[in-house]
PDB file of N, CA and C in Angstrom:
ATOM      1  N   MET A   1     -40.756 -32.590  -7.616  1.00  0.00           N
ATOM      2  CA  MET A   1     -39.823 -31.640  -8.198  1.00  0.00           C
ATOM      3  C   MET A   1     -38.402 -32.162  -7.952  1.00  0.00           C
ATOM      4  N   CYS A   2     -37.595 -32.205  -9.000  1.00  0.00           N
ATOM      5  CA  CYS A   2     -36.241 -32.728  -8.833  1.00  0.00           C
ATOM      6  C   CYS A   2     -35.372 -31.730  -8.062  1.00  0.00           C
ATOM      7  N   ASP A   3     -34.229 -32.190  -7.594  1.00  0.00           N
ATOM      8  CA  ASP A   3     -33.352 -31.372  -6.761  1.00  0.00           C
ATOM      9  C   ASP A   3     -32.873 -30.111  -7.480  1.00  0.00           C
ATOM     10  N   VAL A   4     -32.546 -30.221  -8.744  1.00  0.00           N
ATOM     11  CA  VAL A   4     -32.061 -29.060  -9.497  1.00  0.00           C
ATOM     12  C   VAL A   4     -33.148 -27.999  -9.591  1.00  0.00           C
ATOM     13  N   LYS A   5     -34.368 -28.418  -9.850  1.00  0.00           N
ATOM     14  CA  LYS A   5     -35.476 -27.464  -9.933  1.00  0.00           C
ATOM     15  C   LYS A   5     -35.737 -26.817  -8.581  1.00  0.00           C
ATOM     16  N   LYS A   6     -35.621 -27.580  -7.502  1.00  0.00           N
ATOM     17  CA  LYS A   6     -35.807 -27.022  -6.162  1.00  0.00           C
ATOM     18  C   LYS A   6     -34.748 -25.967  -5.864  1.00  0.00           C
ATOM     19  N   ILE A   7     -33.510 -26.275  -6.209  1.00  0.00           N
ATOM     20  CA  ILE A   7     -32.416 -25.325  -5.964  1.00  0.00           C
ATOM     21  C   ILE A   7     -32.610 -24.074  -6.801  1.00  0.00           C
ATOM     22  N   LEU A   8     -32.976 -24.240  -8.065  1.00  0.00           N
ATOM     23  CA  LEU A   8     -33.201 -23.090  -8.937  1.00  0.00           C
ATOM     24  C   LEU A   8     -34.366 -22.250  -8.432  1.00  0.00           C
ATOM     25  N   PHE A   9     -35.443 -22.887  -8.001  1.00  0.00           N
ATOM     26  CA  PHE A   9     -36.585 -22.165  -7.458  1.00  0.00           C
ATOM     27  C   PHE A   9     -36.182 -21.375  -6.219  1.00  0.00           C
ATOM     28  N   TRP A  10     -35.429 -22.012  -5.315  1.00  0.00           N
ATOM     29  CA  TRP A  10     -34.964 -21.328  -4.101  1.00  0.00           C
ATOM     30  C   TRP A  10     -34.091 -20.137  -4.472  1.00  0.00           C
ATOM     31  N   PHE A  11     -33.176 -20.344  -5.397  1.00  0.00           N
ATOM     32  CA  PHE A  11     -32.247 -19.285  -5.781  1.00  0.00           C
ATOM     33  C   PHE A  11     -32.988 -18.084  -6.365  1.00  0.00           C
ATOM     34  N   VAL A  12     -33.926 -18.327  -7.250  1.00  0.00           N
ATOM     35  CA  VAL A  12     -34.668 -17.239  -7.892  1.00  0.00           C
ATOM     36  C   VAL A  12     -35.549 -16.508  -6.888  1.00  0.00           C
ATOM     37  N   THR A  13     -36.160 -17.224  -5.956  1.00  0.00           N
ATOM     38  CA  THR A  13     -37.040 -16.565  -4.989  1.00  0.00           C
ATOM     39  C   THR A  13     -36.266 -15.865  -3.883  1.00  0.00           C
ATOM     40  N   MET A  14     -35.116 -16.381  -3.517  1.00  0.00           N
ATOM     41  CA  MET A  14     -34.367 -15.798  -2.399  1.00  0.00           C
ATOM     42  C   MET A  14     -33.435 -14.668  -2.840  1.00  0.00           C
ATOM     43  N   ILE A  15     -32.857 -14.765  -4.003  1.00  0.00           N
ATOM     44  CA  ILE A  15     -31.907 -13.758  -4.466  1.00  0.00           C
ATOM     45  C   ILE A  15     -32.632 -12.839  -5.443  1.00  0.00           C
ATOM     46  N   ASN A  16     -33.148 -11.739  -4.916  1.00  0.00           N
ATOM     47  CA  ASN A  16     -33.781 -10.753  -5.780  1.00  0.00           C
ATOM     48  C   ASN A  16     -33.466  -9.362  -5.256  1.00  0.00           C
ATOM     49  N   GLY A  17     -33.817  -8.359  -6.015  1.00  0.00           N
ATOM     50  CA  GLY A  17     -33.464  -6.978  -5.688  1.00  0.00           C
ATOM     51  C   GLY A  17     -34.095  -6.430  -4.431  1.00  0.00           C
ATOM     52  N   TYR A  18     -35.144  -7.071  -3.947  1.00  0.00           N
ATOM     53  CA  TYR A  18     -35.788  -6.594  -2.726  1.00  0.00           C
ATOM     54  C   TYR A  18     -35.264  -7.309  -1.489  1.00  0.00           C
ATOM     55  N   ARG A  19     -34.650  -8.448  -1.677  1.00  0.00           N
ATOM     56  CA  ARG A  19     -34.092  -9.197  -0.555  1.00  0.00           C
ATOM     57  C   ARG A  19     -32.598  -8.895  -0.384  1.00  0.00           C
ATOM     58  N   CYS A  20     -31.892  -8.732  -1.486  1.00  0.00           N
ATOM     59  CA  CYS A  20     -30.464  -8.434  -1.435  1.00  0.00           C
ATOM     60  C   CYS A  20     -30.250  -7.051  -0.819  1.00  0.00           C
ATOM     61  N   MET A  21     -29.182  -6.914  -0.069  1.00  0.00           N
ATOM     62  CA  MET A  21     -28.929  -5.669   0.654  1.00  0.00           C
ATOM     63  C   MET A  21     -27.551  -5.111   0.317  1.00  0.00           C
ATOM     64  N   TRP A  22     -27.435  -3.819   0.469  1.00  0.00           N
ATOM     65  CA  TRP A  22     -26.158  -3.121   0.423  1.00  0.00           C
ATOM     66  C   TRP A  22     -25.902  -2.556   1.812  1.00  0.00           C
ATOM     67  N   VAL A  23     -24.705  -2.751   2.308  1.00  0.00           N
ATOM     68  CA  VAL A  23     -24.292  -2.189   3.591  1.00  0.00           C
ATOM     69  C   VAL A  23     -23.317  -1.060   3.277  1.00  0.00           C
ATOM     70  N   LEU A  24     -23.649   0.145   3.723  1.00  0.00           N
ATOM     71  CA  LEU A  24     -22.782   1.300   3.524  1.00  0.00           C
ATOM     72  C   LEU A  24     -22.207   1.727   4.870  1.00  0.00           C
ATOM     73  N   VAL A  25     -20.892   1.837   4.930  1.00  0.00           N
ATOM     74  CA  VAL A  25     -20.198   2.272   6.135  1.00  0.00           C
ATOM     75  C   VAL A  25     -19.583   3.629   5.832  1.00  0.00           C
ATOM     76  N   MET A  26     -19.983   4.622   6.625  1.00  0.00           N
ATOM     77  CA  MET A  26     -19.461   5.987   6.465  1.00  0.00           C
ATOM     78  C   MET A  26     -18.739   6.344   7.752  1.00  0.00           C
ATOM     79  N   PHE A  27     -17.564   6.926   7.625  1.00  0.00           N
ATOM     80  CA  PHE A  27     -16.831   7.231   8.845  1.00  0.00           C
ATOM     81  C   PHE A  27     -16.052   8.531   8.727  1.00  0.00           C
ATOM     82  N   ASP A  28     -15.865   9.124   9.878  1.00  0.00           N
ATOM     83  CA  ASP A  28     -15.057  10.336  10.017  1.00  0.00           C
ATOM     84  C   ASP A  28     -14.119  10.078  11.194  1.00  0.00           C
ATOM     85  N   LEU A  29     -12.892   9.706  10.888  1.00  0.00           N
ATOM     86  CA  LEU A  29     -11.937   9.323  11.917  1.00  0.00           C
ATOM     87  C   LEU A  29     -10.802  10.334  11.989  1.00  0.00           C
ATOM     88  N   PRO A  30     -10.315  10.603  13.187  1.00  0.00           N
ATOM     89  CA  PRO A  30      -9.205  11.548  13.321  1.00  0.00           C
ATOM     90  C   PRO A  30      -7.907  10.962  12.764  1.00  0.00           C
ATOM     91  N   THR A  31      -7.057  11.824  12.243  1.00  0.00           N
ATOM     92  CA  THR A  31      -5.745  11.406  11.736  1.00  0.00           C
ATOM     93  C   THR A  31      -4.666  12.377  12.214  1.00  0.00           C
ATOM     94  N   ASP A  32      -4.910  13.013  13.355  1.00  0.00           N
ATOM     95  CA  ASP A  32      -3.995  14.053  13.826  1.00  0.00           C
ATOM     96  C   ASP A  32      -2.784  13.518  14.580  1.00  0.00           C
ATOM     97  N   THR A  33      -2.825  12.277  15.039  1.00  0.00           N
ATOM     98  CA  THR A  33      -1.673  11.694  15.719  1.00  0.00           C
ATOM     99  C   THR A  33      -1.261  10.414  15.005  1.00  0.00           C
ATOM    100  N   LYS A  34      -0.070   9.940  15.338  1.00  0.00           N
ATOM    101  CA  LYS A  34       0.424   8.709  14.722  1.00  0.00           C
ATOM    102  C   LYS A  34      -0.486   7.531  15.058  1.00  0.00           C
ATOM    103  N   GLN A  35      -0.926   7.443  16.313  1.00  0.00           N
ATOM    104  CA  GLN A  35      -1.815   6.354  16.733  1.00  0.00           C
ATOM    105  C   GLN A  35      -3.172   6.441  16.028  1.00  0.00           C
ATOM    106  N   ALA A  36      -3.689   7.660  15.853  1.00  0.00           N
ATOM    107  CA  ALA A  36      -4.972   7.839  15.166  1.00  0.00           C
ATOM    108  C   ALA A  36      -4.866   7.389  13.712  1.00  0.00           C
ATOM    109  N   ARG A  37      -3.747   7.692  13.064  1.00  0.00           N
ATOM    110  CA  ARG A  37      -3.549   7.246  11.681  1.00  0.00           C
ATOM    111  C   ARG A  37      -3.456   5.721  11.603  1.00  0.00           C
ATOM    112  N   LYS A  38      -2.824   5.108  12.598  1.00  0.00           N
ATOM    113  CA  LYS A  38      -2.749   3.649  12.654  1.00  0.00           C
ATOM    114  C   LYS A  38      -4.140   3.044  12.801  1.00  0.00           C
ATOM    115  N   ASP A  39      -4.935   3.628  13.702  1.00  0.00           N
ATOM    116  CA  ASP A  39      -6.305   3.147  13.911  1.00  0.00           C
ATOM    117  C   ASP A  39      -7.140   3.293  12.638  1.00  0.00           C
ATOM    118  N   TYR A  40      -6.970   4.410  11.936  1.00  0.00           N
ATOM    119  CA  TYR A  40      -7.681   4.661  10.677  1.00  0.00           C
ATOM    120  C   TYR A  40      -7.309   3.585   9.654  1.00  0.00           C
ATOM    121  N   ALA A  41      -6.006   3.351   9.505  1.00  0.00           N
ATOM    122  CA  ALA A  41      -5.529   2.375   8.521  1.00  0.00           C
ATOM    123  C   ALA A  41      -6.010   0.965   8.862  1.00  0.00           C
ATOM    124  N   LYS A  42      -6.001   0.620  10.139  1.00  0.00           N
ATOM    125  CA  LYS A  42      -6.444  -0.701  10.577  1.00  0.00           C
ATOM    126  C   LYS A  42      -7.933  -0.900  10.300  1.00  0.00           C
ATOM    127  N   PHE A  43      -8.743   0.128  10.582  1.00  0.00           N
ATOM    128  CA  PHE A  43     -10.183   0.049  10.340  1.00  0.00           C
ATOM    129  C   PHE A  43     -10.461  -0.086   8.844  1.00  0.00           C
ATOM    130  N   ARG A  44      -9.801   0.726   8.040  1.00  0.00           N
ATOM    131  CA  ARG A  44      -9.986   0.681   6.588  1.00  0.00           C
ATOM    132  C   ARG A  44      -9.562  -0.686   6.026  1.00  0.00           C
ATOM    133  N   LYS A  45      -8.441  -1.209   6.523  1.00  0.00           N
ATOM    134  CA  LYS A  45      -7.957  -2.514   6.072  1.00  0.00           C
ATOM    135  C   LYS A  45      -8.966  -3.608   6.416  1.00  0.00           C
ATOM    136  N   HIS A  46      -9.551  -3.514   7.595  1.00  0.00           N
ATOM    137  CA  HIS A  46     -10.560  -4.501   7.996  1.00  0.00           C
ATOM    138  C   HIS A  46     -11.756  -4.464   7.048  1.00  0.00           C
ATOM    139  N   LEU A  47     -12.199  -3.266   6.674  1.00  0.00           N
ATOM    140  CA  LEU A  47     -13.326  -3.151   5.741  1.00  0.00           C
ATOM    141  C   LEU A  47     -12.991  -3.819   4.412  1.00  0.00           C
ATOM    142  N   LEU A  48     -11.801  -3.554   3.901  1.00  0.00           N
ATOM    143  CA  LEU A  48     -11.397  -4.143   2.617  1.00  0.00           C
ATOM    144  C   LEU A  48     -11.296  -5.659   2.707  1.00  0.00           C
ATOM    145  N   GLU A  49     -10.775  -6.165   3.815  1.00  0.00           N
ATOM    146  CA  GLU A  49     -10.661  -7.615   3.989  1.00  0.00           C
ATOM    147  C   GLU A  49     -12.028  -8.282   4.106  1.00  0.00           C
ATOM    148  N   ASP A  50     -13.018  -7.543   4.581  1.00  0.00           N
ATOM    149  CA  ASP A  50     -14.368  -8.083   4.722  1.00  0.00           C
ATOM    150  C   ASP A  50     -15.200  -7.918   3.442  1.00  0.00           C
ATOM    151  N   GLY A  51     -14.586  -7.463   2.368  1.00  0.00           N
ATOM    152  CA  GLY A  51     -15.281  -7.391   1.088  1.00  0.00           C
ATOM    153  C   GLY A  51     -15.899  -6.053   0.746  1.00  0.00           C
ATOM    154  N   PHE A  52     -15.656  -5.036   1.547  1.00  0.00           N
ATOM    155  CA  PHE A  52     -16.167  -3.695   1.241  1.00  0.00           C
ATOM    156  C   PHE A  52     -15.293  -3.055   0.171  1.00  0.00           C
ATOM    157  N   THR A  53     -15.903  -2.210  -0.642  1.00  0.00           N
ATOM    158  CA  THR A  53     -15.147  -1.443  -1.629  1.00  0.00           C
ATOM    159  C   THR A  53     -15.381   0.042  -1.381  1.00  0.00           C
ATOM    160  N   MET A  54     -14.387   0.840  -1.722  1.00  0.00           N
ATOM    161  CA  MET A  54     -14.501   2.273  -1.498  1.00  0.00           C
ATOM    162  C   MET A  54     -15.459   2.870  -2.531  1.00  0.00           C
ATOM    163  N   THR A  55     -16.515   3.485  -2.049  1.00  0.00           N
ATOM    164  CA  THR A  55     -17.490   4.153  -2.905  1.00  0.00           C
ATOM    165  C   THR A  55     -17.100   5.613  -3.074  1.00  0.00           C
ATOM    166  N   GLN A  56     -16.682   6.220  -1.998  1.00  0.00           N
ATOM    167  CA  GLN A  56     -16.167   7.582  -1.942  1.00  0.00           C
ATOM    168  C   GLN A  56     -15.172   7.604  -0.802  1.00  0.00           C
ATOM    169  N   TYR A  57     -14.459   8.709  -0.633  1.00  0.00           N
ATOM    170  CA  TYR A  57     -13.573   8.801   0.518  1.00  0.00           C
ATOM    171  C   TYR A  57     -14.400   8.621   1.782  1.00  0.00           C
ATOM    172  N   SER A  58     -13.962   7.736   2.635  1.00  0.00           N
ATOM    173  CA  SER A  58     -14.615   7.448   3.917  1.00  0.00           C
ATOM    174  C   SER A  58     -16.030   6.892   3.776  1.00  0.00           C
ATOM    175  N   VAL A  59     -16.359   6.357   2.611  1.00  0.00           N
ATOM    176  CA  VAL A  59     -17.640   5.666   2.405  1.00  0.00           C
ATOM    177  C   VAL A  59     -17.334   4.350   1.688  1.00  0.00           C
ATOM    178  N   TYR A  60     -17.676   3.262   2.344  1.00  0.00           N
ATOM    179  CA  TYR A  60     -17.419   1.938   1.799  1.00  0.00           C
ATOM    180  C   TYR A  60     -18.732   1.176   1.705  1.00  0.00           C
ATOM    181  N   SER A  61     -18.868   0.339   0.680  1.00  0.00           N
ATOM    182  CA  SER A  61     -20.105  -0.407   0.478  1.00  0.00           C
ATOM    183  C   SER A  61     -19.811  -1.872   0.226  1.00  0.00           C
ATOM    184  N   ARG A  62     -20.807  -2.693   0.549  1.00  0.00           N
ATOM    185  CA  ARG A  62     -20.680  -4.131   0.341  1.00  0.00           C
ATOM    186  C   ARG A  62     -22.047  -4.713   0.016  1.00  0.00           C
ATOM    187  N   PHE A  63     -22.083  -5.565  -0.990  1.00  0.00           N
ATOM    188  CA  PHE A  63     -23.305  -6.251  -1.385  1.00  0.00           C
ATOM    189  C   PHE A  63     -23.463  -7.512  -0.537  1.00  0.00           C
ATOM    190  N   THR A  64     -24.685  -7.770  -0.086  1.00  0.00           N
ATOM    191  CA  THR A  64     -24.980  -9.004   0.638  1.00  0.00           C
ATOM    192  C   THR A  64     -26.250  -9.619   0.064  1.00  0.00           C
ATOM    193  N   ALA A  65     -26.376 -10.920   0.208  1.00  0.00           N
ATOM    194  CA  ALA A  65     -27.504 -11.632  -0.377  1.00  0.00           C
ATOM    195  C   ALA A  65     -28.784 -11.524   0.434  1.00  0.00           C
ATOM    196  N   SER A  66     -28.675 -11.107   1.709  1.00  0.00           N
ATOM    197  CA  SER A  66     -29.866 -11.047   2.550  1.00  0.00           C
ATOM    198  C   SER A  66     -29.635 -10.110   3.723  1.00  0.00           C
ATOM    199  N   ARG A  67     -30.703  -9.823   4.436  1.00  0.00           N
ATOM    200  CA  ARG A  67     -30.608  -8.996   5.641  1.00  0.00           C
ATOM    201  C   ARG A  67     -29.772  -9.702   6.714  1.00  0.00           C
ATOM    202  N   GLU A  68     -29.921 -11.006   6.803  1.00  0.00           N
ATOM    203  CA  GLU A  68     -29.157 -11.777   7.781  1.00  0.00           C
ATOM    204  C   GLU A  68     -27.659 -11.684   7.494  1.00  0.00           C
ATOM    205  N   ASP A  69     -27.299 -11.774   6.226  1.00  0.00           N
ATOM    206  CA  ASP A  69     -25.897 -11.650   5.823  1.00  0.00           C
ATOM    207  C   ASP A  69     -25.384 -10.235   6.113  1.00  0.00           C
ATOM    208  N   ALA A  70     -26.233  -9.244   5.887  1.00  0.00           N
ATOM    209  CA  ALA A  70     -25.857  -7.853   6.179  1.00  0.00           C
ATOM    210  C   ALA A  70     -25.572  -7.684   7.671  1.00  0.00           C
ATOM    211  N   GLU A  71     -26.401  -8.291   8.519  1.00  0.00           N
ATOM    212  CA  GLU A  71     -26.186  -8.212   9.970  1.00  0.00           C
ATOM    213  C   GLU A  71     -24.843  -8.802  10.374  1.00  0.00           C
ATOM    214  N   LYS A  72     -24.458  -9.877   9.700  1.00  0.00           N
ATOM    215  CA  LYS A  72     -23.168 -10.510   9.983  1.00  0.00           C
ATOM    216  C   LYS A  72     -22.022  -9.524   9.724  1.00  0.00           C
ATOM    217  N   HIS A  73     -22.094  -8.802   8.620  1.00  0.00           N
ATOM    218  CA  HIS A  73     -21.037  -7.850   8.278  1.00  0.00           C
ATOM    219  C   HIS A  73     -21.092  -6.599   9.163  1.00  0.00           C
ATOM    220  N   ILE A  74     -22.283  -6.204   9.563  1.00  0.00           N
ATOM    221  CA  ILE A  74     -22.419  -5.077  10.491  1.00  0.00           C
ATOM    222  C   ILE A  74     -21.750  -5.420  11.820  1.00  0.00           C
ATOM    223  N   ASN A  75     -21.959  -6.629  12.290  1.00  0.00           N
ATOM    224  CA  ASN A  75     -21.328  -7.052  13.540  1.00  0.00           C
ATOM    225  C   ASN A  75     -19.808  -7.095  13.421  1.00  0.00           C
ATOM    226  N   ARG A  76     -19.305  -7.468  12.252  1.00  0.00           N
ATOM    227  CA  ARG A  76     -17.852  -7.456  12.047  1.00  0.00           C
ATOM    228  C   ARG A  76     -17.309  -6.033  12.098  1.00  0.00           C
ATOM    229  N   VAL A  77     -18.050  -5.095  11.522  1.00  0.00           N
ATOM    230  CA  VAL A  77     -17.626  -3.696  11.572  1.00  0.00           C
ATOM    231  C   VAL A  77     -17.631  -3.216  13.017  1.00  0.00           C
ATOM    232  N   LYS A  78     -18.671  -3.557  13.765  1.00  0.00           N
ATOM    233  CA  LYS A  78     -18.763  -3.151  15.171  1.00  0.00           C
ATOM    234  C   LYS A  78     -17.558  -3.633  15.968  1.00  0.00           C
ATOM    235  N   LYS A  79     -17.110  -4.855  15.689  1.00  0.00           N
ATOM    236  CA  LYS A  79     -15.976  -5.419  16.420  1.00  0.00           C
ATOM    237  C   LYS A  79     -14.661  -4.717  16.086  1.00  0.00           C
ATOM    238  N   SER A  80     -14.596  -4.070  14.940  1.00  0.00           N
ATOM    239  CA  SER A  80     -13.343  -3.435  14.528  1.00  0.00           C
ATOM    240  C   SER A  80     -13.364  -1.910  14.668  1.00  0.00           C
ATOM    241  N   LEU A  81     -14.354  -1.377  15.374  1.00  0.00           N
ATOM    242  CA  LEU A  81     -14.460   0.080  15.520  1.00  0.00           C
ATOM    243  C   LEU A  81     -13.225   0.657  16.199  1.00  0.00           C
ATOM    244  N   PRO A  82     -12.708   1.763  15.678  1.00  0.00           N
ATOM    245  CA  PRO A  82     -11.570   2.419  16.322  1.00  0.00           C
ATOM    246  C   PRO A  82     -12.033   3.147  17.592  1.00  0.00           C
ATOM    247  N   PRO A  83     -11.098   3.503  18.492  1.00  0.00           N
ATOM    248  CA  PRO A  83     -11.492   4.130  19.758  1.00  0.00           C
ATOM    249  C   PRO A  83     -12.066   5.542  19.611  1.00  0.00           C
ATOM    250  N   ASP A  84     -11.660   6.269  18.584  1.00  0.00           N
ATOM    251  CA  ASP A  84     -12.136   7.641  18.380  1.00  0.00           C
ATOM    252  C   ASP A  84     -12.806   7.772  17.023  1.00  0.00           C
ATOM    253  N   GLY A  85     -13.544   8.861  16.850  1.00  0.00           N
ATOM    254  CA  GLY A  85     -14.180   9.140  15.573  1.00  0.00           C
ATOM    255  C   GLY A  85     -15.626   8.700  15.540  1.00  0.00           C
ATOM    256  N   GLU A  86     -16.204   8.788  14.354  1.00  0.00           N
ATOM    257  CA  GLU A  86     -17.618   8.494  14.168  1.00  0.00           C
ATOM    258  C   GLU A  86     -17.787   7.545  12.991  1.00  0.00           C
ATOM    259  N   VAL A  87     -18.585   6.494  13.192  1.00  0.00           N
ATOM    260  CA  VAL A  87     -18.869   5.519  12.138  1.00  0.00           C
ATOM    261  C   VAL A  87     -20.374   5.358  12.050  1.00  0.00           C
ATOM    262  N   ARG A  88     -20.907   5.436  10.838  1.00  0.00           N
ATOM    263  CA  ARG A  88     -22.344   5.227  10.603  1.00  0.00           C
ATOM    264  C   ARG A  88     -22.510   4.111   9.590  1.00  0.00           C
ATOM    265  N   ILE A  89     -23.564   3.316   9.783  1.00  0.00           N
ATOM    266  CA  ILE A  89     -23.851   2.210   8.872  1.00  0.00           C
ATOM    267  C   ILE A  89     -25.298   2.327   8.406  1.00  0.00           C
ATOM    268  N   ILE A  90     -25.477   2.211   7.105  1.00  0.00           N
ATOM    269  CA  ILE A  90     -26.812   2.246   6.503  1.00  0.00           C
ATOM    270  C   ILE A  90     -26.978   0.979   5.675  1.00  0.00           C
ATOM    271  N   CYS A  91     -28.152   0.373   5.746  1.00  0.00           N
ATOM    272  CA  CYS A  91     -28.491  -0.767   4.888  1.00  0.00           C
ATOM    273  C   CYS A  91     -29.634  -0.369   3.972  1.00  0.00           C
ATOM    274  N   CYS A  92     -29.556  -0.793   2.733  1.00  0.00           N
ATOM    275  CA  CYS A  92     -30.657  -0.551   1.799  1.00  0.00           C
ATOM    276  C   CYS A  92     -30.746  -1.726   0.842  1.00  0.00           C
ATOM    277  N   THR A  93     -31.902  -1.899   0.255  1.00  0.00           N
ATOM    278  CA  THR A  93     -32.078  -3.000  -0.690  1.00  0.00           C
ATOM    279  C   THR A  93     -31.346  -2.680  -1.988  1.00  0.00           C
ATOM    280  N   ASP A  94     -31.143  -3.721  -2.775  1.00  0.00           N
ATOM    281  CA  ASP A  94     -30.481  -3.543  -4.065  1.00  0.00           C
ATOM    282  C   ASP A  94     -31.296  -2.617  -4.965  1.00  0.00           C
ATOM    283  N   LYS A  95     -32.624  -2.719  -4.886  1.00  0.00           N
ATOM    284  CA  LYS A  95     -33.497  -1.853  -5.690  1.00  0.00           C
ATOM    285  C   LYS A  95     -33.345  -0.389  -5.288  1.00  0.00           C
ATOM    286  N   GLN A  96     -33.208  -0.121  -3.987  1.00  0.00           N
ATOM    287  CA  GLN A  96     -33.000   1.255  -3.536  1.00  0.00           C
ATOM    288  C   GLN A  96     -31.628   1.751  -3.961  1.00  0.00           C
ATOM    289  N   PHE A  97     -30.627   0.898  -3.848  1.00  0.00           N
ATOM    290  CA  PHE A  97     -29.249   1.276  -4.176  1.00  0.00           C
ATOM    291  C   PHE A  97     -29.108   1.626  -5.660  1.00  0.00           C
ATOM    292  N   GLU A  98     -29.812   0.897  -6.520  1.00  0.00           N
ATOM    293  CA  GLU A  98     -29.691   1.140  -7.956  1.00  0.00           C
ATOM    294  C   GLU A  98     -30.291   2.485  -8.375  1.00  0.00           C
ATOM    295  N   LYS A  99     -31.096   3.088  -7.509  1.00  0.00           N
ATOM    296  CA  LYS A  99     -31.695   4.392  -7.822  1.00  0.00           C
ATOM    297  C   LYS A  99     -30.806   5.561  -7.394  1.00  0.00           C
ATOM    298  N   MET A 100     -29.602   5.265  -6.921  1.00  0.00           N
ATOM    299  CA  MET A 100     -28.689   6.311  -6.487  1.00  0.00           C
ATOM    300  C   MET A 100     -28.235   7.141  -7.698  1.00  0.00           C
ATOM    301  N   TYR A 101     -28.196   8.449  -7.517  1.00  0.00           N
ATOM    302  CA  TYR A 101     -27.660   9.339  -8.530  1.00  0.00           C
ATOM    303  C   TYR A 101     -26.199   9.610  -8.205  1.00  0.00           C
ATOM    304  N   VAL A 102     -25.361   9.552  -9.227  1.00  0.00           N
ATOM    305  CA  VAL A 102     -23.941   9.820  -9.051  1.00  0.00           C
ATOM    306  C   VAL A 102     -23.554  10.921 -10.035  1.00  0.00           C
ATOM    307  N   PHE A 103     -22.967  11.997  -9.537  1.00  0.00           N
ATOM    308  CA  PHE A 103     -22.561  13.113 -10.382  1.00  0.00           C
ATOM    309  C   PHE A 103     -21.059  13.346 -10.235  1.00  0.00           C
ATOM    310  N   PHE A 104     -20.424  13.637 -11.329  1.00  0.00           N
ATOM    311  CA  PHE A 104     -19.024  14.018 -11.356  1.00  0.00           C
ATOM    312  C   PHE A 104     -18.984  15.431 -11.905  1.00  0.00           C
ATOM    313  N   GLY A 105     -18.884  16.427 -11.035  1.00  0.00           N
ATOM    314  CA  GLY A 105     -19.002  17.801 -11.487  1.00  0.00           C
ATOM    315  C   GLY A 105     -20.431  18.050 -11.929  1.00  0.00           C
ATOM    316  N   LYS A 106     -20.613  18.790 -13.004  1.00  0.00           N
ATOM    317  CA  LYS A 106     -21.965  19.088 -13.487  1.00  0.00           C
ATOM    318  C   LYS A 106     -22.450  18.079 -14.524  1.00  0.00           C
ATOM    319  N   ILE A 107     -21.540  17.253 -15.022  1.00  0.00           N
ATOM    320  CA  ILE A 107     -21.898  16.312 -16.076  1.00  0.00           C
ATOM    321  C   ILE A 107     -22.083  14.928 -15.460  1.00  0.00           C
ATOM    322  N   ARG A 108     -23.189  14.305 -15.748  1.00  0.00           N
ATOM    323  CA  ARG A 108     -23.471  12.964 -15.228  1.00  0.00           C
ATOM    324  C   ARG A 108     -22.731  11.956 -16.075  1.00  0.00           C
ATOM    325  N   LYS A 109     -21.927  11.128 -15.438  1.00  0.00           N
ATOM    326  CA  LYS A 109     -21.213  10.066 -16.134  1.00  0.00           C
ATOM    327  C   LYS A 109     -21.784   8.731 -15.713  1.00  0.00           C
ATOM    328  N   LYS A 110     -21.727   7.783 -16.598  1.00  0.00           N
ATOM    329  CA  LYS A 110     -22.184   6.447 -16.256  1.00  0.00           C
ATOM    330  C   LYS A 110     -21.122   5.788 -15.387  1.00  0.00           C
ATOM    331  N   GLU A 111     -21.530   5.344 -14.185  1.00  0.00           N
ATOM    332  CA  GLU A 111     -20.580   4.718 -13.282  1.00  0.00           C
ATOM    333  C   GLU A 111     -20.533   3.219 -13.512  1.00  0.00           C
ATOM    334  N   ALA A 112     -19.424   2.624 -13.145  1.00  0.00           N
ATOM    335  CA  ALA A 112     -19.277   1.184 -13.286  1.00  0.00           C
ATOM    336  C   ALA A 112     -20.129   0.490 -12.237  1.00  0.00           C
ATOM    337  N   SER A 113     -20.814  -0.541 -12.650  1.00  0.00           N
ATOM    338  CA  SER A 113     -21.659  -1.288 -11.723  1.00  0.00           C
ATOM    339  C   SER A 113     -20.795  -2.247 -10.918  1.00  0.00           C
ATOM    340  N   PRO A 114     -20.796  -2.132  -9.579  1.00  0.00           N
ATOM    341  CA  PRO A 114     -19.948  -3.006  -8.779  1.00  0.00           C
ATOM    342  C   PRO A 114     -20.468  -4.429  -8.647  1.00  0.00           C
ATOM    343  N   TRP A 115     -21.744  -4.660  -9.000  1.00  0.00           N
ATOM    344  CA  TRP A 115     -22.319  -5.988  -8.829  1.00  0.00           C
ATOM    345  C   TRP A 115     -23.385  -6.211  -9.868  1.00  0.00           C
ATOM    346  N   GLN A 116     -23.371  -7.375 -10.457  1.00  0.00           N
ATOM    347  CA  GLN A 116     -24.423  -7.773 -11.373  1.00  0.00           C
ATOM    348  C   GLN A 116     -25.058  -9.036 -10.837  1.00  0.00           C
ATOM    349  N   GLN A 117     -26.375  -9.027 -10.724  1.00  0.00           N
ATOM    350  CA  GLN A 117     -27.057 -10.226 -10.268  1.00  0.00           C
ATOM    351  C   GLN A 117     -26.977 -11.284 -11.356  1.00  0.00           C
ATOM    352  N   LEU A 118     -26.995 -12.527 -10.921  1.00  0.00           N
ATOM    353  CA  LEU A 118     -26.999 -13.625 -11.878  1.00  0.00           C
ATOM    354  C   LEU A 118     -28.342 -13.675 -12.581  1.00  0.00           C
ATOM    355  N   ARG A 119     -28.296 -13.902 -13.871  1.00  0.00           N
ATOM    356  CA  ARG A 119     -29.543 -13.995 -14.639  1.00  0.00           C
ATOM    357  C   ARG A 119     -29.522 -15.309 -15.404  1.00  0.00           C
ATOM    358  N   PHE A 120     -30.598 -16.035 -15.315  1.00  0.00           N
ATOM    359  CA  PHE A 120     -30.684 -17.330 -15.976  1.00  0.00           C
ATOM    360  C   PHE A 120     -31.415 -17.275 -17.298  1.00  0.00           C
ATOM    361  N   PHE A 121     -32.227 -16.232 -17.496  1.00  0.00           N
ATOM    362  CA  PHE A 121     -33.047 -16.195 -18.706  1.00  0.00           C
ATOM    363  C   PHE A 121     -32.765 -14.973 -19.502  1.00  0.00           C
TER     364      PHE A 121
END
């Protein structure tokens, strides 16, 4: 098997909806003092710099190619935890994430897809 075919085979088998992960970070941080607001802003900035996008207020998500990659980003979040408040992290596969229902009021709107997998065929 030539090198290109090997790479393509690896890519197709490794990058799929059951292996790819979404990391969701949910937090409830105090903002009652100047220092607490600084800590909140610093934590949020760190999430954005690490590739997370705001899904909802205080809920940020990031796509990763594997569970190992997700662990790397979870550890980065752990290192940037603020001194007060509560932070929760959930990981789910891309297939689970795509089944999420999103409602805006009583009318369901089609939401923009934050990630599209590469398709060769």
